[in-house]
Every structure is written in C-alpha cells, then in structure tokens.
Amino acid sequence: MPKMKTKRAARKRFKKTATGKLMQAGAFKQHKLEHKSPKQKRKLRKSKLVSKADEHRIKVLLPYL
C-alpha cells in the first residue's frame, strides 16, 4: 500500500503538544470583531485543546502524529 498523505489543511490548523495532546486556534476571530468585547477578543488569542471526541478524527488526517 502507498504511504498515507497528510491532509495539508489539517496540518496548518493543528499542533501537537509535548504530552501528545492536540491544540487548535479558537473560532470566531476572523471577522465582525467590532461587535465583540475586548475581553472576548483577548481570550480568543490563545490556542485551545481539541476535545477528546474529535481527537481520533484529526489523528487520522495527520498520520505522522
């Protein structure tokens, strides 16, 4: 069987932590920022952990993890 290719879109969106968990950028930070409070925008700067339910699906897209 040929090697499984990495899904390039997933590779750009997810990072692996040192302990093996997956991180992703927070949603709702692309547009309409004038309607969001400064506190909300500040909290959206940080990356978030991927939920356990989605972790397996993402690892399928990224075979090198």
PDB file of N, CA and C in Angstrom:
ATOM      1  N   MET A   1       0.835  -1.186   0.000  1.00  0.00           N
ATOM      2  CA  MET A   1       0.000   0.000   0.000  1.00  0.00           C
ATOM      3  C   MET A   1       0.879   1.248   0.000  1.00  0.00           C
ATOM      4  N   PRO A   2       0.440   2.297  -0.677  1.00  0.00           N
ATOM      5  CA  PRO A   2       1.232   3.529  -0.656  1.00  0.00           C
ATOM      6  C   PRO A   2       1.122   4.229   0.698  1.00  0.00           C
ATOM      7  N   LYS A   3       2.046   5.147   0.923  1.00  0.00           N
ATOM      8  CA  LYS A   3       2.008   5.913   2.159  1.00  0.00           C
ATOM      9  C   LYS A   3       0.759   6.785   2.180  1.00  0.00           C
ATOM     10  N   MET A   4       0.217   6.993   3.378  1.00  0.00           N
ATOM     11  CA  MET A   4      -0.934   7.867   3.515  1.00  0.00           C
ATOM     12  C   MET A   4      -0.452   9.309   3.555  1.00  0.00           C
ATOM     13  N   LYS A   5      -1.022  10.139   2.710  1.00  0.00           N
ATOM     14  CA  LYS A   5      -0.602  11.538   2.663  1.00  0.00           C
ATOM     15  C   LYS A   5      -1.248  12.323   3.796  1.00  0.00           C
ATOM     16  N   THR A   6      -0.500  13.296   4.293  1.00  0.00           N
ATOM     17  CA  THR A   6      -1.022  14.208   5.303  1.00  0.00           C
ATOM     18  C   THR A   6      -1.998  15.156   4.635  1.00  0.00           C
ATOM     19  N   LYS A   7      -3.122  15.408   5.303  1.00  0.00           N
ATOM     20  CA  LYS A   7      -4.064  16.409   4.806  1.00  0.00           C
ATOM     21  C   LYS A   7      -3.479  17.776   5.132  1.00  0.00           C
ATOM     22  N   ARG A   8      -3.151  18.551   4.097  1.00  0.00           N
ATOM     23  CA  ARG A   8      -2.419  19.793   4.286  1.00  0.00           C
ATOM     24  C   ARG A   8      -3.232  20.822   5.080  1.00  0.00           C
ATOM     25  N   ALA A   9      -4.537  20.844   4.890  1.00  0.00           N
ATOM     26  CA  ALA A   9      -5.358  21.801   5.632  1.00  0.00           C
ATOM     27  C   ALA A   9      -5.301  21.493   7.131  1.00  0.00           C
ATOM     28  N   ALA A  10      -5.313  20.227   7.483  1.00  0.00           N
ATOM     29  CA  ALA A  10      -5.261  19.846   8.894  1.00  0.00           C
ATOM     30  C   ALA A  10      -3.888  20.149   9.480  1.00  0.00           C
ATOM     31  N   ARG A  11      -2.852  19.969   8.693  1.00  0.00           N
ATOM     32  CA  ARG A  11      -1.503  20.233   9.184  1.00  0.00           C
ATOM     33  C   ARG A  11      -1.324  21.705   9.553  1.00  0.00           C
ATOM     34  N   LYS A  12      -1.984  22.588   8.838  1.00  0.00           N
ATOM     35  CA  LYS A  12      -1.872  24.021   9.115  1.00  0.00           C
ATOM     36  C   LYS A  12      -2.675  24.436  10.342  1.00  0.00           C
ATOM     37  N   ARG A  13      -3.681  23.666  10.708  1.00  0.00           N
ATOM     38  CA  ARG A  13      -4.595  24.077  11.762  1.00  0.00           C
ATOM     39  C   ARG A  13      -4.304  23.480  13.128  1.00  0.00           C
ATOM     40  N   PHE A  14      -3.583  22.374  13.179  1.00  0.00           N
ATOM     41  CA  PHE A  14      -3.395  21.675  14.446  1.00  0.00           C
ATOM     42  C   PHE A  14      -1.915  21.508  14.762  1.00  0.00           C
ATOM     43  N   LYS A  15      -1.598  21.611  16.056  1.00  0.00           N
ATOM     44  CA  LYS A  15      -0.247  21.390  16.544  1.00  0.00           C
ATOM     45  C   LYS A  15      -0.324  20.359  17.665  1.00  0.00           C
ATOM     46  N   LYS A  16       0.766  19.615  17.839  1.00  0.00           N
ATOM     47  CA  LYS A  16       0.828  18.614  18.884  1.00  0.00           C
ATOM     48  C   LYS A  16       1.636  19.164  20.051  1.00  0.00           C
ATOM     49  N   THR A  17       1.146  18.967  21.271  1.00  0.00           N
ATOM     50  CA  THR A  17       1.872  19.424  22.452  1.00  0.00           C
ATOM     51  C   THR A  17       2.916  18.382  22.825  1.00  0.00           C
ATOM     52  N   ALA A  18       3.754  18.710  23.776  1.00  0.00           N
ATOM     53  CA  ALA A  18       4.806  17.789  24.216  1.00  0.00           C
ATOM     54  C   ALA A  18       4.222  16.535  24.858  1.00  0.00           C
ATOM     55  N   THR A  19       3.029  16.655  25.441  1.00  0.00           N
ATOM     56  CA  THR A  19       2.408  15.494  26.085  1.00  0.00           C
ATOM     57  C   THR A  19       1.554  14.687  25.112  1.00  0.00           C
ATOM     58  N   GLY A  20       1.444  15.130  23.857  1.00  0.00           N
ATOM     59  CA  GLY A  20       0.707  14.374  22.853  1.00  0.00           C
ATOM     60  C   GLY A  20      -0.703  14.859  22.592  1.00  0.00           C
ATOM     61  N   LYS A  21      -1.126  15.911  23.278  1.00  0.00           N
ATOM     62  CA  LYS A  21      -2.463  16.440  23.031  1.00  0.00           C
ATOM     63  C   LYS A  21      -2.437  17.343  21.802  1.00  0.00           C
ATOM     64  N   LEU A  22      -3.598  17.612  21.243  1.00  0.00           N
ATOM     65  CA  LEU A  22      -3.702  18.453  20.057  1.00  0.00           C
ATOM     66  C   LEU A  22      -4.234  19.829  20.419  1.00  0.00           C
ATOM     67  N   MET A  23      -3.629  20.852  19.807  1.00  0.00           N
ATOM     68  CA  MET A  23      -4.051  22.230  20.031  1.00  0.00           C
ATOM     69  C   MET A  23      -4.627  22.778  18.730  1.00  0.00           C
ATOM     70  N   GLN A  24      -5.586  23.696  18.871  1.00  0.00           N
ATOM     71  CA  GLN A  24      -6.149  24.364  17.707  1.00  0.00           C
ATOM     72  C   GLN A  24      -6.436  25.811  18.069  1.00  0.00           C
ATOM     73  N   ALA A  25      -6.487  26.670  17.071  1.00  0.00           N
ATOM     74  CA  ALA A  25      -6.816  28.073  17.305  1.00  0.00           C
ATOM     75  C   ALA A  25      -8.305  28.183  17.606  1.00  0.00           C
ATOM     76  N   GLY A  26      -8.664  29.188  18.395  1.00  0.00           N
ATOM     77  CA  GLY A  26     -10.065  29.386  18.730  1.00  0.00           C
ATOM     78  C   GLY A  26     -10.861  29.893  17.542  1.00  0.00           C
ATOM     79  N   ALA A  27     -12.123  29.583  17.520  1.00  0.00           N
ATOM     80  CA  ALA A  27     -13.003  30.037  16.453  1.00  0.00           C
ATOM     81  C   ALA A  27     -13.502  31.448  16.757  1.00  0.00           C
ATOM     82  N   PHE A  28     -14.212  32.044  15.814  1.00  0.00           N
ATOM     83  CA  PHE A  28     -14.875  33.348  15.947  1.00  0.00           C
ATOM     84  C   PHE A  28     -13.895  34.515  16.063  1.00  0.00           C
ATOM     85  N   LYS A  29     -12.748  34.429  15.394  1.00  0.00           N
ATOM     86  CA  LYS A  29     -11.753  35.503  15.480  1.00  0.00           C
ATOM     87  C   LYS A  29     -11.437  36.069  14.096  1.00  0.00           C
ATOM     88  N   GLN A  30     -12.226  35.761  13.084  1.00  0.00           N
ATOM     89  CA  GLN A  30     -11.905  36.173  11.723  1.00  0.00           C
ATOM     90  C   GLN A  30     -12.517  37.505  11.324  1.00  0.00           C
ATOM     91  N   HIS A  31     -13.767  37.724  11.651  1.00  0.00           N
ATOM     92  CA  HIS A  31     -14.432  38.941  11.187  1.00  0.00           C
ATOM     93  C   HIS A  31     -15.511  39.350  12.177  1.00  0.00           C
ATOM     94  N   LYS A  32     -16.097  40.505  11.940  1.00  0.00           N
ATOM     95  CA  LYS A  32     -17.102  41.106  12.825  1.00  0.00           C
ATOM     96  C   LYS A  32     -16.539  41.312  14.232  1.00  0.00           C
ATOM     97  N   LEU A  33     -15.293  41.739  14.286  1.00  0.00           N
ATOM     98  CA  LEU A  33     -14.646  41.907  15.584  1.00  0.00           C
ATOM     99  C   LEU A  33     -15.105  43.169  16.292  1.00  0.00           C
ATOM    100  N   GLU A  34     -15.695  44.114  15.563  1.00  0.00           N
ATOM    101  CA  GLU A  34     -16.148  45.342  16.223  1.00  0.00           C
ATOM    102  C   GLU A  34     -17.337  45.078  17.139  1.00  0.00           C
ATOM    103  N   HIS A  35     -18.028  43.947  16.969  1.00  0.00           N
ATOM    104  CA  HIS A  35     -19.177  43.607  17.809  1.00  0.00           C
ATOM    105  C   HIS A  35     -18.778  42.818  19.047  1.00  0.00           C
ATOM    106  N   LYS A  36     -17.545  42.362  19.090  1.00  0.00           N
ATOM    107  CA  LYS A  36     -17.104  41.540  20.216  1.00  0.00           C
ATOM    108  C   LYS A  36     -16.390  42.428  21.239  1.00  0.00           C
ATOM    109  N   SER A  37     -16.526  42.058  22.489  1.00  0.00           N
ATOM    110  CA  SER A  37     -15.911  42.849  23.552  1.00  0.00           C
ATOM    111  C   SER A  37     -14.398  42.630  23.545  1.00  0.00           C
ATOM    112  N   PRO A  38     -13.633  43.584  24.066  1.00  0.00           N
ATOM    113  CA  PRO A  38     -12.183  43.409  24.151  1.00  0.00           C
ATOM    114  C   PRO A  38     -11.797  42.177  24.962  1.00  0.00           C
ATOM    115  N   LYS A  39     -12.570  41.874  25.993  1.00  0.00           N
ATOM    116  CA  LYS A  39     -12.293  40.691  26.811  1.00  0.00           C
ATOM    117  C   LYS A  39     -12.430  39.413  25.980  1.00  0.00           C
ATOM    118  N   GLN A  40     -13.477  39.343  25.169  1.00  0.00           N
ATOM    119  CA  GLN A  40     -13.698  38.157  24.342  1.00  0.00           C
ATOM    120  C   GLN A  40     -12.580  38.004  23.318  1.00  0.00           C
ATOM    121  N   LYS A  41     -12.182  39.101  22.679  1.00  0.00           N
ATOM    122  CA  LYS A  41     -11.112  39.052  21.684  1.00  0.00           C
ATOM    123  C   LYS A  41      -9.783  38.663  22.311  1.00  0.00           C
ATOM    124  N   ARG A  42      -9.545  39.122  23.524  1.00  0.00           N
ATOM    125  CA  ARG A  42      -8.318  38.777  24.239  1.00  0.00           C
ATOM    126  C   ARG A  42      -8.271  37.286  24.536  1.00  0.00           C
ATOM    127  N   LYS A  43      -9.400  36.721  24.942  1.00  0.00           N
ATOM    128  CA  LYS A  43      -9.453  35.287  25.235  1.00  0.00           C
ATOM    129  C   LYS A  43      -9.301  34.432  23.982  1.00  0.00           C
ATOM    130  N   LEU A  44      -9.695  34.978  22.834  1.00  0.00           N
ATOM    131  CA  LEU A  44      -9.603  34.222  21.583  1.00  0.00           C
ATOM    132  C   LEU A  44      -8.184  34.151  21.035  1.00  0.00           C
ATOM    133  N   ARG A  45      -7.254  34.912  21.602  1.00  0.00           N
ATOM    134  CA  ARG A  45      -5.866  34.859  21.127  1.00  0.00           C
ATOM    135  C   ARG A  45      -5.214  33.518  21.426  1.00  0.00           C
ATOM    136  N   LYS A  46      -5.570  32.929  22.541  1.00  0.00           N
ATOM    137  CA  LYS A  46      -4.929  31.686  22.975  1.00  0.00           C
ATOM    138  C   LYS A  46      -5.434  30.499  22.170  1.00  0.00           C
ATOM    139  N   SER A  47      -4.579  29.496  22.057  1.00  0.00           N
ATOM    140  CA  SER A  47      -4.983  28.242  21.436  1.00  0.00           C
ATOM    141  C   SER A  47      -5.742  27.403  22.451  1.00  0.00           C
ATOM    142  N   LYS A  48      -6.564  26.494  21.911  1.00  0.00           N
ATOM    143  CA  LYS A  48      -7.356  25.639  22.772  1.00  0.00           C
ATOM    144  C   LYS A  48      -7.045  24.174  22.496  1.00  0.00           C
ATOM    145  N   LEU A  49      -7.299  23.337  23.475  1.00  0.00           N
ATOM    146  CA  LEU A  49      -7.133  21.899  23.284  1.00  0.00           C
ATOM    147  C   LEU A  49      -8.292  21.354  22.467  1.00  0.00           C
ATOM    148  N   VAL A  50      -8.004  20.403  21.611  1.00  0.00           N
ATOM    149  CA  VAL A  50      -9.038  19.729  20.837  1.00  0.00           C
ATOM    150  C   VAL A  50      -9.772  18.782  21.775  1.00  0.00           C
ATOM    151  N   SER A  51     -11.076  18.677  21.631  1.00  0.00           N
ATOM    152  CA  SER A  51     -11.852  17.802  22.505  1.00  0.00           C
ATOM    153  C   SER A  51     -11.495  16.345  22.255  1.00  0.00           C
ATOM    154  N   LYS A  52     -11.689  15.525  23.270  1.00  0.00           N
ATOM    155  CA  LYS A  52     -11.380  14.095  23.170  1.00  0.00           C
ATOM    156  C   LYS A  52     -12.200  13.429  22.069  1.00  0.00           C
ATOM    157  N   ALA A  53     -13.433  13.896  21.862  1.00  0.00           N
ATOM    158  CA  ALA A  53     -14.309  13.287  20.866  1.00  0.00           C
ATOM    159  C   ALA A  53     -13.764  13.485  19.452  1.00  0.00           C
ATOM    160  N   ASP A  54     -13.098  14.617  19.206  1.00  0.00           N
ATOM    161  CA  ASP A  54     -12.591  14.920  17.873  1.00  0.00           C
ATOM    162  C   ASP A  54     -11.153  14.480  17.658  1.00  0.00           C
ATOM    163  N   GLU A  55     -10.463  14.128  18.719  1.00  0.00           N
ATOM    164  CA  GLU A  55      -9.036  13.844  18.625  1.00  0.00           C
ATOM    165  C   GLU A  55      -8.727  12.702  17.655  1.00  0.00           C
ATOM    166  N   HIS A  56      -9.507  11.638  17.686  1.00  0.00           N
ATOM    167  CA  HIS A  56      -9.243  10.488  16.813  1.00  0.00           C
ATOM    168  C   HIS A  56      -9.396  10.872  15.345  1.00  0.00           C
ATOM    169  N   ARG A  57     -10.427  11.644  15.013  1.00  0.00           N
ATOM    170  CA  ARG A  57     -10.648  12.038  13.612  1.00  0.00           C
ATOM    171  C   ARG A  57      -9.491  12.871  13.084  1.00  0.00           C
ATOM    172  N   ILE A  58      -8.942  13.717  13.923  1.00  0.00           N
ATOM    173  CA  ILE A  58      -7.841  14.568  13.489  1.00  0.00           C
ATOM    174  C   ILE A  58      -6.566  13.754  13.326  1.00  0.00           C
ATOM    175  N   LYS A  59      -6.341  12.792  14.212  1.00  0.00           N
ATOM    176  CA  LYS A  59      -5.147  11.967  14.107  1.00  0.00           C
ATOM    177  C   LYS A  59      -5.162  11.109  12.838  1.00  0.00           C
ATOM    178  N   VAL A  60      -6.332  10.786  12.335  1.00  0.00           N
ATOM    179  CA  VAL A  60      -6.438  10.059  11.064  1.00  0.00           C
ATOM    180  C   VAL A  60      -5.943  10.939   9.919  1.00  0.00           C
ATOM    181  N   LEU A  61      -6.235  12.245   9.996  1.00  0.00           N
ATOM    182  CA  LEU A  61      -5.804  13.177   8.962  1.00  0.00           C
ATOM    183  C   LEU A  61      -4.310  13.463   9.014  1.00  0.00           C
ATOM    184  N   LEU A  62      -3.724  13.269  10.194  1.00  0.00           N
ATOM    185  CA  LEU A  62      -2.305  13.560  10.388  1.00  0.00           C
ATOM    186  C   LEU A  62      -1.583  12.273  10.792  1.00  0.00           C
ATOM    187  N   PRO A  63      -1.188  11.459   9.843  1.00  0.00           N
ATOM    188  CA  PRO A  63      -0.611  10.150  10.178  1.00  0.00           C
ATOM    189  C   PRO A  63       0.715  10.213  10.911  1.00  0.00           C
ATOM    190  N   TYR A  64       1.433  11.336  10.838  1.00  0.00           N
ATOM    191  CA  TYR A  64       2.732  11.416  11.471  1.00  0.00           C
ATOM    192  C   TYR A  64       2.651  11.682  12.969  1.00  0.00           C
ATOM    193  N   LEU A  65       1.440  11.956  13.507  1.00  0.00           N
ATOM    194  CA  LEU A  65       1.308  12.224  14.940  1.00  0.00           C
ATOM    195  C   LEU A  65       1.264  10.947  15.735  1.00  0.00           C
TER     196      LEU A  65
END
